[in-house]
Amino acid sequence: MTACSSQNASVNRSFPSTFELDVSSDILETLNGNTFVAHVKELNPVFGRALTIKVRGLNVESLTDPDPLKVSTAFRQWHRFRRILKESSHVRIRNLERGKNGFWVWADVYLDGKIIASSL
């Protein structure tokens, strides 16, 4: 007989599947230059309708930084990210991994077949 223990059990945080998102109905909100909220239909409903997704590898400035120049850059990044999401025909997310602090996931995000890279 085997017992369950949260002390020694390793937690699997990955979701290996690929998910297709409908740009017009599944992308619900863009929070900043690398984070958006989406409805991922094929994902277990325990995650809810609105899943916060951070784009793996896309580093952006914080909207709450005390430096006004960084905040200005963060707003430009946010608006650009929102625009390219809206203009995409196909959005695919892959390799989902639960975030460590909060209820969000890291994901590789592909727009029209091309992975979003740090060069965005």
N, C-alpha and C. Protein backbone atom coordinates (compact mmCIF):
# COMPACT_ATOMS: atom_id res chain seq x y z
N MET A 1 0.84 -1.16 0.00
CA MET A 1 0.00 0.00 0.00
C MET A 1 0.89 1.24 0.00
N THR A 2 0.51 2.23 -0.76
CA THR A 2 1.28 3.45 -0.87
C THR A 2 0.45 4.61 -0.34
N ALA A 3 1.09 5.44 0.44
CA ALA A 3 0.41 6.61 0.99
C ALA A 3 0.80 7.85 0.21
N CYS A 4 -0.09 8.81 0.21
CA CYS A 4 0.18 10.10 -0.43
C CYS A 4 0.80 11.04 0.58
N SER A 5 1.81 11.74 0.18
CA SER A 5 2.44 12.70 1.06
C SER A 5 2.78 13.94 0.27
N SER A 6 2.36 15.09 0.75
CA SER A 6 2.68 16.33 0.06
C SER A 6 4.08 16.81 0.39
N GLN A 7 4.71 16.26 1.42
CA GLN A 7 6.04 16.70 1.81
C GLN A 7 7.09 16.21 0.83
N ASN A 8 7.00 14.97 0.40
CA ASN A 8 8.03 14.41 -0.45
C ASN A 8 7.61 14.26 -1.91
N ALA A 9 6.36 14.48 -2.18
CA ALA A 9 5.87 14.28 -3.55
C ALA A 9 6.33 15.43 -4.44
N SER A 10 6.81 15.07 -5.61
CA SER A 10 7.17 16.11 -6.55
C SER A 10 5.92 16.48 -7.34
N VAL A 11 5.74 17.77 -7.54
CA VAL A 11 4.55 18.26 -8.21
C VAL A 11 4.86 18.45 -9.69
N ASN A 12 4.07 17.79 -10.53
CA ASN A 12 4.23 17.97 -11.97
C ASN A 12 3.49 19.24 -12.37
N ARG A 13 4.22 20.21 -12.85
CA ARG A 13 3.63 21.49 -13.20
C ARG A 13 3.48 21.67 -14.70
N SER A 14 3.80 20.69 -15.50
CA SER A 14 3.73 20.86 -16.94
C SER A 14 2.47 20.26 -17.54
N PHE A 15 2.08 20.87 -18.64
CA PHE A 15 0.96 20.40 -19.43
C PHE A 15 1.47 20.31 -20.86
N PRO A 16 1.78 19.12 -21.34
CA PRO A 16 2.48 18.99 -22.62
C PRO A 16 1.65 19.27 -23.86
N SER A 17 0.37 19.45 -23.74
CA SER A 17 -0.49 19.59 -24.90
C SER A 17 -0.35 20.95 -25.59
N THR A 18 -0.86 20.99 -26.80
CA THR A 18 -0.93 22.21 -27.59
C THR A 18 -2.39 22.64 -27.66
N PHE A 19 -2.64 23.95 -27.54
CA PHE A 19 -4.00 24.47 -27.55
C PHE A 19 -4.12 25.58 -28.59
N GLU A 20 -5.16 25.49 -29.39
CA GLU A 20 -5.47 26.51 -30.38
C GLU A 20 -6.46 27.49 -29.77
N LEU A 21 -6.21 28.79 -29.96
CA LEU A 21 -7.11 29.82 -29.44
C LEU A 21 -7.74 30.58 -30.60
N ASP A 22 -9.02 30.85 -30.49
CA ASP A 22 -9.71 31.69 -31.46
C ASP A 22 -9.49 33.14 -31.02
N VAL A 23 -8.86 33.91 -31.88
CA VAL A 23 -8.49 35.29 -31.53
C VAL A 23 -9.71 36.11 -31.14
N SER A 24 -10.81 35.96 -31.86
CA SER A 24 -11.98 36.81 -31.60
C SER A 24 -12.76 36.41 -30.36
N SER A 25 -12.73 35.14 -29.97
CA SER A 25 -13.55 34.74 -28.82
C SER A 25 -12.75 34.23 -27.62
N ASP A 26 -11.55 33.72 -27.84
CA ASP A 26 -10.79 33.14 -26.72
C ASP A 26 -9.83 34.10 -26.04
N ILE A 27 -9.33 35.10 -26.75
CA ILE A 27 -8.43 36.09 -26.14
C ILE A 27 -9.33 37.11 -25.45
N LEU A 28 -9.33 37.10 -24.12
CA LEU A 28 -10.26 37.93 -23.36
C LEU A 28 -9.70 39.29 -22.99
N GLU A 29 -8.39 39.35 -22.71
CA GLU A 29 -7.81 40.61 -22.21
C GLU A 29 -6.29 40.53 -22.33
N THR A 30 -5.65 41.67 -22.52
CA THR A 30 -4.19 41.76 -22.50
C THR A 30 -3.81 42.58 -21.27
N LEU A 31 -3.03 41.98 -20.38
CA LEU A 31 -2.72 42.63 -19.10
C LEU A 31 -1.48 43.52 -19.15
N ASN A 32 -0.49 43.12 -19.93
CA ASN A 32 0.73 43.91 -20.09
C ASN A 32 1.44 43.42 -21.35
N GLY A 33 2.71 43.72 -21.49
CA GLY A 33 3.44 43.39 -22.71
C GLY A 33 3.80 41.94 -22.91
N ASN A 34 3.51 41.08 -21.94
CA ASN A 34 3.79 39.65 -22.13
C ASN A 34 2.76 38.74 -21.46
N THR A 35 1.62 39.30 -21.06
CA THR A 35 0.62 38.52 -20.33
C THR A 35 -0.78 38.80 -20.90
N PHE A 36 -1.52 37.72 -21.13
CA PHE A 36 -2.89 37.89 -21.58
C PHE A 36 -3.77 36.86 -20.88
N VAL A 37 -5.07 37.10 -20.95
CA VAL A 37 -6.05 36.21 -20.36
C VAL A 37 -6.81 35.56 -21.50
N ALA A 38 -6.96 34.24 -21.43
CA ALA A 38 -7.63 33.53 -22.52
C ALA A 38 -8.51 32.41 -21.99
N HIS A 39 -9.48 32.08 -22.80
CA HIS A 39 -10.33 30.92 -22.54
C HIS A 39 -9.70 29.76 -23.31
N VAL A 40 -9.22 28.76 -22.58
CA VAL A 40 -8.59 27.60 -23.20
C VAL A 40 -9.58 26.45 -23.05
N LYS A 41 -10.32 26.20 -24.10
CA LYS A 41 -11.45 25.27 -24.05
C LYS A 41 -11.07 23.85 -23.66
N GLU A 42 -9.98 23.34 -24.16
CA GLU A 42 -9.63 21.95 -23.93
C GLU A 42 -8.96 21.71 -22.59
N LEU A 43 -8.67 22.74 -21.85
CA LEU A 43 -8.00 22.61 -20.56
C LEU A 43 -9.02 22.24 -19.49
N ASN A 44 -8.58 21.52 -18.50
CA ASN A 44 -9.46 21.09 -17.42
C ASN A 44 -10.21 22.29 -16.83
N PRO A 45 -11.51 22.18 -16.62
CA PRO A 45 -12.31 23.30 -16.12
C PRO A 45 -11.91 23.79 -14.73
N VAL A 46 -11.11 23.02 -14.01
CA VAL A 46 -10.66 23.47 -12.70
C VAL A 46 -9.87 24.79 -12.81
N PHE A 47 -9.29 25.03 -13.99
CA PHE A 47 -8.54 26.27 -14.20
C PHE A 47 -9.46 27.46 -14.42
N GLY A 48 -10.71 27.22 -14.72
CA GLY A 48 -11.66 28.31 -14.92
C GLY A 48 -11.70 28.77 -16.35
N ARG A 49 -12.57 29.73 -16.61
CA ARG A 49 -12.74 30.25 -17.97
C ARG A 49 -11.61 31.19 -18.36
N ALA A 50 -11.12 31.94 -17.44
CA ALA A 50 -10.11 32.96 -17.74
C ALA A 50 -8.75 32.53 -17.17
N LEU A 51 -7.89 32.02 -18.05
CA LEU A 51 -6.56 31.58 -17.65
C LEU A 51 -5.55 32.67 -18.00
N THR A 52 -4.77 33.09 -17.02
CA THR A 52 -3.73 34.09 -17.25
C THR A 52 -2.50 33.39 -17.79
N ILE A 53 -2.03 33.84 -18.96
CA ILE A 53 -0.92 33.22 -19.67
C ILE A 53 0.20 34.23 -19.84
N LYS A 54 1.40 33.87 -19.37
CA LYS A 54 2.60 34.69 -19.58
C LYS A 54 3.42 34.05 -20.69
N VAL A 55 3.89 34.86 -21.62
CA VAL A 55 4.66 34.37 -22.76
C VAL A 55 6.08 34.07 -22.30
N ARG A 56 6.46 32.81 -22.40
CA ARG A 56 7.80 32.39 -22.02
C ARG A 56 8.82 33.05 -22.96
N GLY A 57 9.84 33.65 -22.39
CA GLY A 57 10.92 34.25 -23.18
C GLY A 57 10.69 35.68 -23.60
N LEU A 58 9.57 36.26 -23.25
CA LEU A 58 9.28 37.65 -23.63
C LEU A 58 9.37 38.52 -22.39
N ASN A 59 10.47 39.23 -22.28
CA ASN A 59 10.72 40.08 -21.11
C ASN A 59 10.28 41.51 -21.41
N VAL A 60 9.54 42.09 -20.48
CA VAL A 60 9.03 43.45 -20.66
C VAL A 60 9.23 44.25 -19.37
N GLU A 61 9.11 45.54 -19.51
CA GLU A 61 9.18 46.43 -18.35
C GLU A 61 7.88 46.34 -17.56
N SER A 62 7.95 46.70 -16.29
CA SER A 62 6.78 46.66 -15.42
C SER A 62 5.98 47.96 -15.52
N LEU A 63 4.66 47.82 -15.57
CA LEU A 63 3.79 49.00 -15.59
C LEU A 63 3.78 49.73 -14.25
N THR A 64 4.26 49.08 -13.20
CA THR A 64 4.26 49.69 -11.86
C THR A 64 5.65 50.16 -11.42
N ASP A 65 6.60 50.20 -12.33
CA ASP A 65 7.95 50.64 -11.98
C ASP A 65 7.92 52.13 -11.60
N PRO A 66 8.71 52.53 -10.60
CA PRO A 66 8.73 53.95 -10.22
C PRO A 66 9.40 54.86 -11.26
N ASP A 67 10.18 54.29 -12.17
CA ASP A 67 10.88 55.08 -13.20
C ASP A 67 9.91 55.38 -14.35
N PRO A 68 9.59 56.66 -14.59
CA PRO A 68 8.62 57.01 -15.63
C PRO A 68 9.05 56.56 -17.04
N LEU A 69 10.34 56.51 -17.31
CA LEU A 69 10.80 56.06 -18.63
C LEU A 69 10.49 54.57 -18.82
N LYS A 70 10.67 53.78 -17.78
CA LYS A 70 10.36 52.36 -17.86
C LYS A 70 8.86 52.13 -17.99
N VAL A 71 8.07 52.94 -17.30
CA VAL A 71 6.61 52.82 -17.41
C VAL A 71 6.17 53.17 -18.83
N SER A 72 6.77 54.21 -19.42
CA SER A 72 6.45 54.59 -20.79
C SER A 72 6.78 53.45 -21.75
N THR A 73 7.93 52.83 -21.56
CA THR A 73 8.32 51.67 -22.37
C THR A 73 7.34 50.53 -22.17
N ALA A 74 6.93 50.29 -20.92
CA ALA A 74 5.99 49.22 -20.61
C ALA A 74 4.66 49.43 -21.32
N PHE A 75 4.17 50.67 -21.38
CA PHE A 75 2.91 50.95 -22.07
C PHE A 75 3.04 50.71 -23.58
N ARG A 76 4.18 51.11 -24.16
CA ARG A 76 4.40 50.85 -25.59
C ARG A 76 4.44 49.35 -25.85
N GLN A 77 5.12 48.59 -24.99
CA GLN A 77 5.19 47.13 -25.14
C GLN A 77 3.80 46.51 -25.03
N TRP A 78 3.02 46.99 -24.09
CA TRP A 78 1.68 46.48 -23.87
C TRP A 78 0.80 46.70 -25.10
N HIS A 79 0.81 47.94 -25.62
CA HIS A 79 -0.02 48.26 -26.78
C HIS A 79 0.42 47.47 -28.02
N ARG A 80 1.71 47.31 -28.19
CA ARG A 80 2.22 46.54 -29.33
C ARG A 80 1.80 45.07 -29.21
N PHE A 81 1.94 44.50 -28.03
CA PHE A 81 1.57 43.11 -27.79
C PHE A 81 0.07 42.91 -28.04
N ARG A 82 -0.73 43.81 -27.53
CA ARG A 82 -2.18 43.73 -27.72
C ARG A 82 -2.53 43.80 -29.21
N ARG A 83 -1.87 44.68 -29.94
CA ARG A 83 -2.13 44.84 -31.37
C ARG A 83 -1.77 43.57 -32.15
N ILE A 84 -0.59 43.01 -31.88
CA ILE A 84 -0.20 41.83 -32.65
C ILE A 84 -1.07 40.62 -32.31
N LEU A 85 -1.55 40.53 -31.06
CA LEU A 85 -2.48 39.45 -30.71
C LEU A 85 -3.78 39.60 -31.51
N LYS A 86 -4.32 40.81 -31.55
CA LYS A 86 -5.59 41.06 -32.25
C LYS A 86 -5.47 40.84 -33.75
N GLU A 87 -4.30 41.16 -34.31
CA GLU A 87 -4.10 41.06 -35.75
C GLU A 87 -3.74 39.66 -36.20
N SER A 88 -3.47 38.76 -35.29
CA SER A 88 -3.08 37.39 -35.64
C SER A 88 -4.29 36.60 -36.11
N SER A 89 -4.04 35.71 -37.05
CA SER A 89 -5.10 34.81 -37.53
C SER A 89 -5.20 33.57 -36.65
N HIS A 90 -4.05 33.07 -36.20
CA HIS A 90 -4.00 31.85 -35.39
C HIS A 90 -3.10 32.07 -34.17
N VAL A 91 -3.59 31.69 -33.01
CA VAL A 91 -2.80 31.73 -31.79
C VAL A 91 -2.77 30.31 -31.23
N ARG A 92 -1.56 29.83 -30.98
CA ARG A 92 -1.38 28.50 -30.42
C ARG A 92 -0.50 28.63 -29.18
N ILE A 93 -0.87 27.94 -28.12
CA ILE A 93 -0.04 27.90 -26.93
C ILE A 93 0.42 26.47 -26.70
N ARG A 94 1.66 26.33 -26.28
CA ARG A 94 2.25 25.01 -26.07
C ARG A 94 3.08 25.02 -24.80
N ASN A 95 3.35 23.82 -24.30
CA ASN A 95 4.25 23.63 -23.16
C ASN A 95 3.86 24.48 -21.96
N LEU A 96 2.61 24.38 -21.55
CA LEU A 96 2.13 25.13 -20.41
C LEU A 96 2.80 24.63 -19.13
N GLU A 97 3.16 25.58 -18.29
CA GLU A 97 3.80 25.27 -17.02
C GLU A 97 3.24 26.22 -15.96
N ARG A 98 2.74 25.66 -14.89
CA ARG A 98 2.13 26.49 -13.84
C ARG A 98 3.17 27.43 -13.23
N GLY A 99 2.76 28.68 -13.01
CA GLY A 99 3.63 29.65 -12.36
C GLY A 99 3.82 29.31 -10.89
N LYS A 100 4.90 29.78 -10.32
CA LYS A 100 5.21 29.45 -8.93
C LYS A 100 4.47 30.32 -7.93
N ASN A 101 4.25 31.56 -8.26
CA ASN A 101 3.57 32.49 -7.34
C ASN A 101 2.32 33.04 -8.01
N GLY A 102 1.21 32.44 -7.76
CA GLY A 102 -0.03 32.93 -8.34
C GLY A 102 -0.67 31.89 -9.24
N PHE A 103 -1.83 32.24 -9.75
CA PHE A 103 -2.60 31.32 -10.58
C PHE A 103 -2.48 31.75 -12.03
N TRP A 104 -1.37 31.43 -12.65
CA TRP A 104 -1.10 31.74 -14.04
C TRP A 104 -0.20 30.64 -14.59
N VAL A 105 0.01 30.65 -15.91
CA VAL A 105 0.90 29.67 -16.53
C VAL A 105 1.88 30.35 -17.47
N TRP A 106 3.06 29.77 -17.57
CA TRP A 106 4.01 30.12 -18.61
C TRP A 106 3.62 29.31 -19.83
N ALA A 107 3.82 29.86 -21.02
CA ALA A 107 3.54 29.09 -22.23
C ALA A 107 4.40 29.60 -23.38
N ASP A 108 4.74 28.69 -24.29
CA ASP A 108 5.30 29.09 -25.57
C ASP A 108 4.10 29.52 -26.40
N VAL A 109 4.16 30.73 -26.95
CA VAL A 109 3.03 31.28 -27.70
C VAL A 109 3.45 31.47 -29.15
N TYR A 110 2.63 30.92 -30.04
CA TYR A 110 2.87 31.02 -31.47
C TYR A 110 1.77 31.85 -32.10
N LEU A 111 2.17 32.87 -32.86
CA LEU A 111 1.22 33.70 -33.60
C LEU A 111 1.42 33.42 -35.08
N ASP A 112 0.38 32.97 -35.74
CA ASP A 112 0.45 32.63 -37.16
C ASP A 112 1.62 31.71 -37.47
N GLY A 113 1.84 30.74 -36.58
CA GLY A 113 2.86 29.72 -36.79
C GLY A 113 4.26 30.08 -36.33
N LYS A 114 4.48 31.31 -35.88
CA LYS A 114 5.82 31.74 -35.45
C LYS A 114 5.81 31.99 -33.95
N ILE A 115 6.83 31.46 -33.29
CA ILE A 115 6.92 31.64 -31.84
C ILE A 115 7.25 33.10 -31.53
N ILE A 116 6.61 33.62 -30.50
CA ILE A 116 6.92 34.97 -30.05
C ILE A 116 8.27 34.89 -29.33
N ALA A 117 9.18 35.72 -29.74
CA ALA A 117 10.52 35.71 -29.14
C ALA A 117 10.77 37.02 -28.43
N SER A 118 11.88 37.08 -27.73
CA SER A 118 12.23 38.27 -26.97
C SER A 118 12.46 39.49 -27.89
N SER A 119 12.55 39.28 -29.19
CA SER A 119 12.77 40.38 -30.13
C SER A 119 11.50 41.16 -30.46
N LEU A 120 10.37 40.76 -29.88
CA LEU A 120 9.09 41.42 -30.16
C LEU A 120 9.17 42.84 -29.83
